[in-house]
PDB file of N, CA and C in Angstrom:
ATOM      1  N   MET A   1      -1.797  99.022 -34.863  1.00  0.00           N
ATOM      2  CA  MET A   1      -2.739  98.978 -33.893  1.00  0.00           C
ATOM      3  C   MET A   1      -2.338 100.075 -32.871  1.00  0.00           C
ATOM      4  N   ILE A   2      -1.323  99.584 -32.147  1.00  0.00           N
ATOM      5  CA  ILE A   2      -0.768 100.425 -31.304  1.00  0.00           C
ATOM      6  C   ILE A   2       0.692 101.333 -32.021  1.00  0.00           C
ATOM      7  N   ASP A   3       0.385 102.630 -31.613  1.00  0.00           N
ATOM      8  CA  ASP A   3       0.950 103.763 -31.901  1.00  0.00           C
ATOM      9  C   ASP A   3       1.843 104.176 -31.059  1.00  0.00           C
ATOM     10  N   ARG A   4       3.209 103.704 -30.795  1.00  0.00           N
ATOM     11  CA  ARG A   4       3.971 104.581 -29.942  1.00  0.00           C
ATOM     12  C   ARG A   4       4.415 105.954 -29.963  1.00  0.00           C
ATOM     13  N   ASP A   5       4.315 106.364 -30.858  1.00  0.00           N
ATOM     14  CA  ASP A   5       4.667 107.912 -31.156  1.00  0.00           C
ATOM     15  C   ASP A   5       3.464 108.583 -31.033  1.00  0.00           C
ATOM     16  N   HIS A   6       2.004 108.016 -30.888  1.00  0.00           N
ATOM     17  CA  HIS A   6       0.900 109.214 -30.547  1.00  0.00           C
ATOM     18  C   HIS A   6       0.857 109.438 -29.154  1.00  0.00           C
ATOM     19  N   ASP A   7       0.156 110.794 -29.105  1.00  0.00           N
ATOM     20  CA  ASP A   7      -0.113 111.421 -28.079  1.00  0.00           C
ATOM     21  C   ASP A   7      -0.538 110.935 -26.836  1.00  0.00           C
ATOM     22  N   LEU A   8      -1.524 109.681 -26.955  1.00  0.00           N
ATOM     23  CA  LEU A   8      -2.361 109.059 -26.485  1.00  0.00           C
ATOM     24  C   LEU A   8      -1.421 107.958 -25.568  1.00  0.00           C
ATOM     25  N   PRO A   9      -1.321 107.942 -24.306  1.00  0.00           N
ATOM     26  CA  PRO A   9      -0.263 107.059 -23.686  1.00  0.00           C
ATOM     27  C   PRO A   9      -0.618 105.713 -24.213  1.00  0.00           C
ATOM     28  N   LEU A  10       0.484 104.737 -24.046  1.00  0.00           N
ATOM     29  CA  LEU A  10       0.449 103.543 -24.200  1.00  0.00           C
ATOM     30  C   LEU A  10      -0.914 103.093 -23.492  1.00  0.00           C
ATOM     31  N   THR A  11      -1.029 103.280 -21.955  1.00  0.00           N
ATOM     32  CA  THR A  11      -1.764 102.706 -21.153  1.00  0.00           C
ATOM     33  C   THR A  11      -3.204 102.834 -21.569  1.00  0.00           C
ATOM     34  N   ARG A  12      -3.622 104.110 -21.976  1.00  0.00           N
ATOM     35  CA  ARG A  12      -4.885 104.373 -22.453  1.00  0.00           C
ATOM     36  C   ARG A  12      -4.928 103.494 -23.807  1.00  0.00           C
ATOM     37  N   GLN A  13      -4.146 103.530 -24.606  1.00  0.00           N
ATOM     38  CA  GLN A  13      -4.517 102.926 -26.087  1.00  0.00           C
ATOM     39  C   GLN A  13      -4.615 101.544 -25.964  1.00  0.00           C
ATOM     40  N   ALA A  14      -3.976 100.694 -24.788  1.00  0.00           N
ATOM     41  CA  ALA A  14      -4.139  99.351 -24.541  1.00  0.00           C
ATOM     42  C   ALA A  14      -5.705  98.895 -23.847  1.00  0.00           C
ATOM     43  N   GLN A  15      -5.905 100.212 -22.996  1.00  0.00           N
ATOM     44  CA  GLN A  15      -7.529 100.014 -22.513  1.00  0.00           C
ATOM     45  C   GLN A  15      -8.814 100.288 -23.656  1.00  0.00           C
ATOM     46  N   VAL A  16      -8.205 101.126 -24.783  1.00  0.00           N
ATOM     47  CA  VAL A  16      -9.074 101.404 -25.531  1.00  0.00           C
ATOM     48  C   VAL A  16      -9.398 100.111 -26.400  1.00  0.00           C
ATOM     49  N   LEU A  17      -8.172  99.430 -26.709  1.00  0.00           N
ATOM     50  CA  LEU A  17      -8.151  98.306 -27.674  1.00  0.00           C
ATOM     51  C   LEU A  17      -8.294  96.790 -26.672  1.00  0.00           C
ATOM     52  N   ARG A  18      -8.885  97.073 -25.531  1.00  0.00           N
ATOM     53  CA  ARG A  18      -9.012  96.012 -24.284  1.00  0.00           C
ATOM     54  C   ARG A  18      -7.927  94.793 -24.493  1.00  0.00           C
ATOM     55  N   LEU A  19      -6.592  95.581 -24.489  1.00  0.00           N
ATOM     56  CA  LEU A  19      -5.432  94.633 -24.271  1.00  0.00           C
ATOM     57  C   LEU A  19      -4.740  94.792 -23.054  1.00  0.00           C
ATOM     58  N   SER A  20      -4.101  93.945 -22.548  1.00  0.00           N
ATOM     59  CA  SER A  20      -3.614  93.864 -21.304  1.00  0.00           C
ATOM     60  C   SER A  20      -2.430  94.855 -21.794  1.00  0.00           C
ATOM     61  N   ARG A  21      -1.727  95.420 -20.758  1.00  0.00           N
ATOM     62  CA  ARG A  21      -0.354  96.409 -20.991  1.00  0.00           C
ATOM     63  C   ARG A  21       0.865  95.518 -21.245  1.00  0.00           C
ATOM     64  N   SER A  22       0.549  94.188 -20.656  1.00  0.00           N
ATOM     65  CA  SER A  22       2.113  93.487 -20.510  1.00  0.00           C
ATOM     66  C   SER A  22       2.205  92.598 -22.249  1.00  0.00           C
ATOM     67  N   ARG A  23       0.759  92.759 -23.012  1.00  0.00           N
ATOM     68  CA  ARG A  23       0.797  92.319 -24.532  1.00  0.00           C
ATOM     69  C   ARG A  23       1.746  93.699 -25.237  1.00  0.00           C
ATOM     70  N   LEU A  24       1.844  94.505 -24.940  1.00  0.00           N
ATOM     71  CA  LEU A  24       2.355  96.057 -25.576  1.00  0.00           C
ATOM     72  C   LEU A  24       4.040  95.414 -25.662  1.00  0.00           C
ATOM     73  N   TYR A  25       4.204  94.986 -24.554  1.00  0.00           N
ATOM     74  CA  TYR A  25       5.622  95.032 -24.207  1.00  0.00           C
ATOM     75  C   TYR A  25       6.301  93.582 -24.608  1.00  0.00           C
ATOM     76  N   TYR A  26       5.410  92.869 -24.816  1.00  0.00           N
ATOM     77  CA  TYR A  26       6.223  91.272 -25.242  1.00  0.00           C
ATOM     78  C   TYR A  26       6.583  91.164 -26.401  1.00  0.00           C
ATOM     79  N   LEU A  27       7.795  90.764 -26.397  1.00  0.00           N
ATOM     80  CA  LEU A  27       8.216  90.197 -27.713  1.00  0.00           C
ATOM     81  C   LEU A  27       8.389  88.832 -27.914  1.00  0.00           C
ATOM     82  N   PRO A  28       8.042  88.107 -28.908  1.00  0.00           N
ATOM     83  CA  PRO A  28       8.064  86.762 -29.053  1.00  0.00           C
ATOM     84  C   PRO A  28       9.298  86.231 -29.231  1.00  0.00           C
ATOM     85  N   GLN A  29       9.812  84.973 -28.520  1.00  0.00           N
ATOM     86  CA  GLN A  29      11.074  84.637 -28.778  1.00  0.00           C
ATOM     87  C   GLN A  29      10.823  83.264 -30.015  1.00  0.00           C
ATOM     88  N   PRO A  30      12.100  83.233 -30.853  1.00  0.00           N
ATOM     89  CA  PRO A  30      12.018  82.126 -31.785  1.00  0.00           C
ATOM     90  C   PRO A  30      12.269  80.809 -30.793  1.00  0.00           C
ATOM     91  N   VAL A  31      11.690  79.737 -31.503  1.00  0.00           N
ATOM     92  CA  VAL A  31      11.883  78.399 -31.139  1.00  0.00           C
ATOM     93  C   VAL A  31      13.298  77.970 -31.490  1.00  0.00           C
ATOM     94  N   SER A  32      13.878  77.496 -30.635  1.00  0.00           N
ATOM     95  CA  SER A  32      15.113  76.901 -30.737  1.00  0.00           C
ATOM     96  C   SER A  32      15.377  75.496 -31.509  1.00  0.00           C
ATOM     97  N   ALA A  33      16.303  75.417 -32.345  1.00  0.00           N
ATOM     98  CA  ALA A  33      16.510  74.500 -33.299  1.00  0.00           C
ATOM     99  C   ALA A  33      16.369  72.950 -32.512  1.00  0.00           C
ATOM    100  N   GLU A  34      16.746  73.187 -31.550  1.00  0.00           N
ATOM    101  CA  GLU A  34      16.715  71.665 -30.332  1.00  0.00           C
ATOM    102  C   GLU A  34      15.136  71.548 -29.961  1.00  0.00           C
ATOM    103  N   ASP A  35      14.629  72.730 -29.699  1.00  0.00           N
ATOM    104  CA  ASP A  35      12.970  72.593 -29.354  1.00  0.00           C
ATOM    105  C   ASP A  35      12.562  72.010 -30.394  1.00  0.00           C
ATOM    106  N   LEU A  36      12.721  72.673 -32.076  1.00  0.00           N
ATOM    107  CA  LEU A  36      11.978  72.060 -32.933  1.00  0.00           C
ATOM    108  C   LEU A  36      12.291  70.469 -33.304  1.00  0.00           C
ATOM    109  N   THR A  37      13.598  70.044 -32.967  1.00  0.00           N
ATOM    110  CA  THR A  37      14.078  68.777 -33.267  1.00  0.00           C
ATOM    111  C   THR A  37      13.107  67.793 -32.059  1.00  0.00           C
ATOM    112  N   ILE A  38      12.847  68.380 -31.042  1.00  0.00           N
ATOM    113  CA  ILE A  38      12.065  67.645 -29.857  1.00  0.00           C
ATOM    114  C   ILE A  38      10.660  67.445 -30.212  1.00  0.00           C
ATOM    115  N   MET A  39      10.407  68.435 -30.507  1.00  0.00           N
ATOM    116  CA  MET A  39       8.654  68.520 -31.190  1.00  0.00           C
ATOM    117  C   MET A  39       8.479  67.757 -32.394  1.00  0.00           C
ATOM    118  N   GLY A  40       9.517  67.477 -33.242  1.00  0.00           N
ATOM    119  CA  GLY A  40       9.289  66.600 -34.213  1.00  0.00           C
ATOM    120  C   GLY A  40       9.187  65.099 -33.628  1.00  0.00           C
ATOM    121  N   ARG A  41      10.189  64.919 -32.960  1.00  0.00           N
ATOM    122  CA  ARG A  41      10.235  63.478 -32.526  1.00  0.00           C
ATOM    123  C   ARG A  41       8.951  63.253 -31.471  1.00  0.00           C
ATOM    124  N   ILE A  42       8.114  64.194 -30.723  1.00  0.00           N
ATOM    125  CA  ILE A  42       7.514  64.182 -29.894  1.00  0.00           C
ATOM    126  C   ILE A  42       6.103  63.812 -30.870  1.00  0.00           C
ATOM    127  N   ASP A  43       5.945  64.307 -32.196  1.00  0.00           N
ATOM    128  CA  ASP A  43       5.045  64.335 -32.957  1.00  0.00           C
ATOM    129  C   ASP A  43       4.961  62.757 -33.551  1.00  0.00           C
ATOM    130  N   LYS A  44       6.305  62.341 -33.937  1.00  0.00           N
ATOM    131  CA  LYS A  44       6.436  60.960 -34.266  1.00  0.00           C
ATOM    132  C   LYS A  44       6.007  60.161 -33.387  1.00  0.00           C
ATOM    133  N   LEU A  45       6.656  60.058 -32.091  1.00  0.00           N
ATOM    134  CA  LEU A  45       6.141  59.270 -31.337  1.00  0.00           C
ATOM    135  C   LEU A  45       4.678  59.032 -30.807  1.00  0.00           C
ATOM    136  N   HIS A  46       4.028  60.180 -30.979  1.00  0.00           N
ATOM    137  CA  HIS A  46       2.433  60.471 -30.855  1.00  0.00           C
ATOM    138  C   HIS A  46       1.487  59.240 -32.182  1.00  0.00           C
ATOM    139  N   LEU A  47       2.348  59.296 -33.150  1.00  0.00           N
ATOM    140  CA  LEU A  47       1.741  58.503 -34.166  1.00  0.00           C
ATOM    141  C   LEU A  47       2.221  57.331 -34.084  1.00  0.00           C
ATOM    142  N   ASP A  48       3.172  56.681 -33.453  1.00  0.00           N
ATOM    143  CA  ASP A  48       3.641  55.522 -32.856  1.00  0.00           C
ATOM    144  C   ASP A  48       2.865  54.750 -31.959  1.00  0.00           C
ATOM    145  N   PHE A  49       2.804  55.680 -30.899  1.00  0.00           N
ATOM    146  CA  PHE A  49       2.226  55.329 -29.512  1.00  0.00           C
ATOM    147  C   PHE A  49       1.380  56.459 -29.189  1.00  0.00           C
ATOM    148  N   PRO A  50       0.208  56.354 -29.688  1.00  0.00           N
ATOM    149  CA  PRO A  50      -0.890  57.413 -29.292  1.00  0.00           C
ATOM    150  C   PRO A  50      -1.411  57.337 -28.031  1.00  0.00           C
ATOM    151  N   PHE A  51      -1.539  56.035 -27.389  1.00  0.00           N
ATOM    152  CA  PHE A  51      -1.688  55.954 -25.987  1.00  0.00           C
ATOM    153  C   PHE A  51      -0.733  56.374 -24.779  1.00  0.00           C
ATOM    154  N   ALA A  52       0.467  56.999 -25.105  1.00  0.00           N
ATOM    155  CA  ALA A  52       1.426  57.222 -24.725  1.00  0.00           C
ATOM    156  C   ALA A  52       1.345  58.666 -23.824  1.00  0.00           C
ATOM    157  N   GLY A  53       1.293  58.661 -22.745  1.00  0.00           N
ATOM    158  CA  GLY A  53       1.259  59.937 -21.694  1.00  0.00           C
ATOM    159  C   GLY A  53       2.753  60.650 -21.510  1.00  0.00           C
ATOM    160  N   SER A  54       2.672  61.577 -20.829  1.00  0.00           N
ATOM    161  CA  SER A  54       3.780  62.499 -20.941  1.00  0.00           C
ATOM    162  C   SER A  54       5.102  61.736 -20.144  1.00  0.00           C
ATOM    163  N   ARG A  55       4.529  60.881 -19.248  1.00  0.00           N
ATOM    164  CA  ARG A  55       5.757  60.163 -18.613  1.00  0.00           C
ATOM    165  C   ARG A  55       6.647  59.288 -19.698  1.00  0.00           C
ATOM    166  N   MET A  56       5.556  58.649 -20.305  1.00  0.00           N
ATOM    167  CA  MET A  56       6.042  57.561 -21.236  1.00  0.00           C
ATOM    168  C   MET A  56       6.772  58.308 -22.785  1.00  0.00           C
ATOM    169  N   LEU A  57       6.469  59.291 -23.024  1.00  0.00           N
ATOM    170  CA  LEU A  57       7.159  60.130 -23.783  1.00  0.00           C
ATOM    171  C   LEU A  57       8.589  60.720 -23.470  1.00  0.00           C
ATOM    172  N   ARG A  58       8.677  61.275 -22.111  1.00  0.00           N
ATOM    173  CA  ARG A  58       9.632  61.829 -21.459  1.00  0.00           C
ATOM    174  C   ARG A  58      10.716  60.277 -21.341  1.00  0.00           C
ATOM    175  N   ASP A  59      10.211  59.133 -21.182  1.00  0.00           N
ATOM    176  CA  ASP A  59      10.951  58.371 -21.080  1.00  0.00           C
ATOM    177  C   ASP A  59      11.799  57.530 -22.267  1.00  0.00           C
ATOM    178  N   PHE A  60      10.955  57.777 -23.368  1.00  0.00           N
ATOM    179  CA  PHE A  60      11.239  57.542 -24.607  1.00  0.00           C
ATOM    180  C   PHE A  60      12.546  58.495 -25.061  1.00  0.00           C
ATOM    181  N   LEU A  61      11.975  59.452 -24.807  1.00  0.00           N
ATOM    182  CA  LEU A  61      13.077  60.502 -25.374  1.00  0.00           C
ATOM    183  C   LEU A  61      14.083  60.577 -24.651  1.00  0.00           C
ATOM    184  N   ARG A  62      14.223  60.290 -23.039  1.00  0.00           N
ATOM    185  CA  ARG A  62      15.646  60.319 -22.377  1.00  0.00           C
ATOM    186  C   ARG A  62      16.229  59.018 -23.052  1.00  0.00           C
ATOM    187  N   GLY A  63      15.477  57.959 -23.226  1.00  0.00           N
ATOM    188  CA  GLY A  63      16.251  56.568 -23.974  1.00  0.00           C
ATOM    189  C   GLY A  63      17.177  56.964 -25.055  1.00  0.00           C
ATOM    190  N   GLU A  64      16.701  58.159 -26.068  1.00  0.00           N
ATOM    191  CA  GLU A  64      17.239  58.461 -27.176  1.00  0.00           C
ATOM    192  C   GLU A  64      18.352  59.380 -26.842  1.00  0.00           C
ATOM    193  N   GLY A  65      18.305  59.938 -25.626  1.00  0.00           N
ATOM    194  CA  GLY A  65      19.656  60.771 -25.238  1.00  0.00           C
ATOM    195  C   GLY A  65      19.329  62.282 -25.103  1.00  0.00           C
ATOM    196  N   PHE A  66      17.925  62.704 -24.956  1.00  0.00           N
ATOM    197  CA  PHE A  66      17.389  63.924 -24.751  1.00  0.00           C
ATOM    198  C   PHE A  66      17.328  64.076 -23.391  1.00  0.00           C
ATOM    199  N   LYS A  67      18.046  65.419 -22.827  1.00  0.00           N
ATOM    200  CA  LYS A  67      17.860  65.543 -21.443  1.00  0.00           C
ATOM    201  C   LYS A  67      16.611  66.402 -21.433  1.00  0.00           C
ATOM    202  N   ILE A  68      15.278  65.719 -20.947  1.00  0.00           N
ATOM    203  CA  ILE A  68      14.285  66.366 -20.874  1.00  0.00           C
ATOM    204  C   ILE A  68      13.575  66.015 -19.860  1.00  0.00           C
ATOM    205  N   GLY A  69      12.518  66.868 -19.389  1.00  0.00           N
ATOM    206  CA  GLY A  69      11.456  66.766 -18.183  1.00  0.00           C
ATOM    207  C   GLY A  69      10.192  66.407 -18.694  1.00  0.00           C
ATOM    208  N   ARG A  70       9.346  65.889 -17.707  1.00  0.00           N
ATOM    209  CA  ARG A  70       7.767  65.834 -18.096  1.00  0.00           C
ATOM    210  C   ARG A  70       7.399  67.478 -18.665  1.00  0.00           C
ATOM    211  N   CYS A  71       7.671  67.935 -17.588  1.00  0.00           N
ATOM    212  CA  CYS A  71       6.991  69.708 -18.115  1.00  0.00           C
ATOM    213  C   CYS A  71       7.180  69.965 -19.198  1.00  0.00           C
ATOM    214  N   HIS A  72       8.515  69.585 -19.870  1.00  0.00           N
ATOM    215  CA  HIS A  72       8.712  69.942 -21.391  1.00  0.00           C
ATOM    216  C   HIS A  72       8.051  69.372 -22.221  1.00  0.00           C
ATOM    217  N   VAL A  73       7.410  68.165 -21.926  1.00  0.00           N
ATOM    218  CA  VAL A  73       6.790  67.256 -22.963  1.00  0.00           C
ATOM    219  C   VAL A  73       5.461  67.639 -23.084  1.00  0.00           C
ATOM    220  N   ILE A  74       4.918  67.870 -21.813  1.00  0.00           N
ATOM    221  CA  ILE A  74       3.515  68.307 -21.793  1.00  0.00           C
ATOM    222  C   ILE A  74       2.510  69.261 -22.768  1.00  0.00           C
ATOM    223  N   PRO A  75       3.292  70.432 -22.571  1.00  0.00           N
ATOM    224  CA  PRO A  75       2.621  71.409 -23.400  1.00  0.00           C
ATOM    225  C   PRO A  75       3.005  71.242 -25.026  1.00  0.00           C
ATOM    226  N   VAL A  76       3.894  70.498 -25.506  1.00  0.00           N
ATOM    227  CA  VAL A  76       4.351  70.609 -26.997  1.00  0.00           C
ATOM    228  C   VAL A  76       3.025  69.986 -28.038  1.00  0.00           C
ATOM    229  N   PRO A  77       2.441  68.981 -27.489  1.00  0.00           N
ATOM    230  CA  PRO A  77       1.660  68.554 -28.531  1.00  0.00           C
ATOM    231  C   PRO A  77       0.363  68.693 -28.270  1.00  0.00           C
ATOM    232  N   ALA A  78       0.073  69.985 -28.165  1.00  0.00           N
ATOM    233  CA  ALA A  78      -1.259  70.618 -28.202  1.00  0.00           C
ATOM    234  C   ALA A  78      -2.226  69.990 -28.434  1.00  0.00           C
ATOM    235  N   ASN A  79      -2.156  69.651 -30.109  1.00  0.00           N
ATOM    236  CA  ASN A  79      -3.125  69.119 -30.964  1.00  0.00           C
ATOM    237  C   ASN A  79      -3.008  67.536 -30.717  1.00  0.00           C
ATOM    238  N   ARG A  80      -3.122  67.126 -29.729  1.00  0.00           N
ATOM    239  CA  ARG A  80      -3.145  65.593 -29.390  1.00  0.00           C
ATOM    240  C   ARG A  80      -4.399  64.745 -30.161  1.00  0.00           C
ATOM    241  N   GLU A  81      -5.431  65.498 -30.322  1.00  0.00           N
ATOM    242  CA  GLU A  81      -6.639  64.781 -31.168  1.00  0.00           C
ATOM    243  C   GLU A  81      -6.162  64.668 -32.512  1.00  0.00           C
ATOM    244  N   PHE A  82      -5.213  65.548 -33.137  1.00  0.00           N
ATOM    245  CA  PHE A  82      -4.684  65.486 -34.294  1.00  0.00           C
ATOM    246  C   PHE A  82      -3.845  64.052 -34.508  1.00  0.00           C
ATOM    247  N   SER A  83      -3.184  64.121 -33.534  1.00  0.00           N
ATOM    248  CA  SER A  83      -2.100  62.993 -33.657  1.00  0.00           C
ATOM    249  C   SER A  83      -2.790  61.294 -33.472  1.00  0.00           C
ATOM    250  N   MET A  84      -3.911  61.603 -32.677  1.00  0.00           N
ATOM    251  CA  MET A  84      -4.585  60.344 -32.322  1.00  0.00           C
ATOM    252  C   MET A  84      -5.377  59.900 -33.761  1.00  0.00           C
ATOM    253  N   ASN A  85      -6.138  61.060 -34.557  1.00  0.00           N
ATOM    254  CA  ASN A  85      -6.912  61.018 -35.646  1.00  0.00           C
ATOM    255  C   ASN A  85      -5.654  60.439 -36.754  1.00  0.00           C
ATOM    256  N   ALA A  86      -4.261  61.051 -36.750  1.00  0.00           N
ATOM    257  CA  ALA A  86      -3.606  60.502 -37.837  1.00  0.00           C
ATOM    258  C   ALA A  86      -3.144  59.045 -37.458  1.00  0.00           C
ATOM    259  N   ALA A  87      -2.972  58.693 -36.459  1.00  0.00           N
ATOM    260  CA  ALA A  87      -2.676  57.269 -36.148  1.00  0.00           C
ATOM    261  C   ALA A  87      -3.802  56.314 -36.768  1.00  0.00           C
ATOM    262  N   VAL A  88      -5.086  56.596 -35.967  1.00  0.00           N
ATOM    263  CA  VAL A  88      -6.383  55.807 -36.904  1.00  0.00           C
ATOM    264  C   VAL A  88      -6.296  55.820 -38.307  1.00  0.00           C
ATOM    265  N   LEU A  89      -5.824  57.070 -38.867  1.00  0.00           N
ATOM    266  CA  LEU A  89      -6.392  57.437 -40.376  1.00  0.00           C
ATOM    267  C   LEU A  89      -4.809  56.160 -41.380  1.00  0.00           C
ATOM    268  N   ARG A  90      -3.792  56.281 -40.532  1.00  0.00           N
ATOM    269  CA  ARG A  90      -2.790  55.521 -40.786  1.00  0.00           C
ATOM    270  C   ARG A  90      -2.445  53.921 -40.812  1.00  0.00           C
ATOM    271  N   GLU A  91      -3.378  53.384 -39.551  1.00  0.00           N
ATOM    272  CA  GLU A  91      -3.787  52.247 -39.206  1.00  0.00           C
ATOM    273  C   GLU A  91      -4.973  51.870 -40.593  1.00  0.00           C
ATOM    274  N   LEU A  92      -5.808  52.787 -40.832  1.00  0.00           N
ATOM    275  CA  LEU A  92      -6.997  52.270 -42.134  1.00  0.00           C
ATOM    276  C   LEU A  92      -6.231  52.101 -42.934  1.00  0.00           C
ATOM    277  N   GLU A  93      -5.331  53.090 -43.389  1.00  0.00           N
ATOM    278  CA  GLU A  93      -4.659  52.727 -44.936  1.00  0.00           C
ATOM    279  C   GLU A  93      -3.649  51.570 -44.877  1.00  0.00           C
ATOM    280  N   ARG A  94      -3.386  51.084 -43.914  1.00  0.00           N
ATOM    281  CA  ARG A  94      -2.290  50.008 -43.791  1.00  0.00           C
ATOM    282  C   ARG A  94      -3.485  48.995 -44.068  1.00  0.00           C
ATOM    283  N   LEU A  95      -4.358  49.019 -43.437  1.00  0.00           N
ATOM    284  CA  LEU A  95      -5.500  47.766 -43.789  1.00  0.00           C
ATOM    285  C   LEU A  95      -6.128  47.478 -45.099  1.00  0.00           C
ATOM    286  N   ASP A  96      -6.170  48.942 -45.860  1.00  0.00           N
ATOM    287  CA  ASP A  96      -6.689  48.792 -47.015  1.00  0.00           C
ATOM    288  C   ASP A  96      -5.634  48.263 -47.901  1.00  0.00           C
ATOM    289  N   ALA A  97      -4.562  48.695 -47.904  1.00  0.00           N
ATOM    290  CA  ALA A  97      -3.310  48.003 -48.609  1.00  0.00           C
ATOM    291  C   ALA A  97      -3.358  46.571 -48.595  1.00  0.00           C
ATOM    292  N   ALA A  98      -3.755  45.927 -47.394  1.00  0.00           N
ATOM    293  CA  ALA A  98      -3.819  44.585 -47.261  1.00  0.00           C
ATOM    294  C   ALA A  98      -4.558  43.834 -47.927  1.00  0.00           C
TER     295      ALA A  98
END
């Protein structure tokens, strides 16, 4: 899409494609292993406690030894609706098995 060797300047290429210039220079950073561990744990906590907010999740994680603040907990479960639906489905499966 963007050709760095083209005669047309990068600024003009970005304008033509309707991209911000900052997107031309952004290099995505890999997610650290620690963040992946925390995200997995937050997903499990959301399934067990779908009503838990960011403060409660932070307290659970701190109780497990993670050094984490509320700001780190908030953006990770972007699909909270999915987590809540998964908790409801799990409860229905448990009731069907009984």
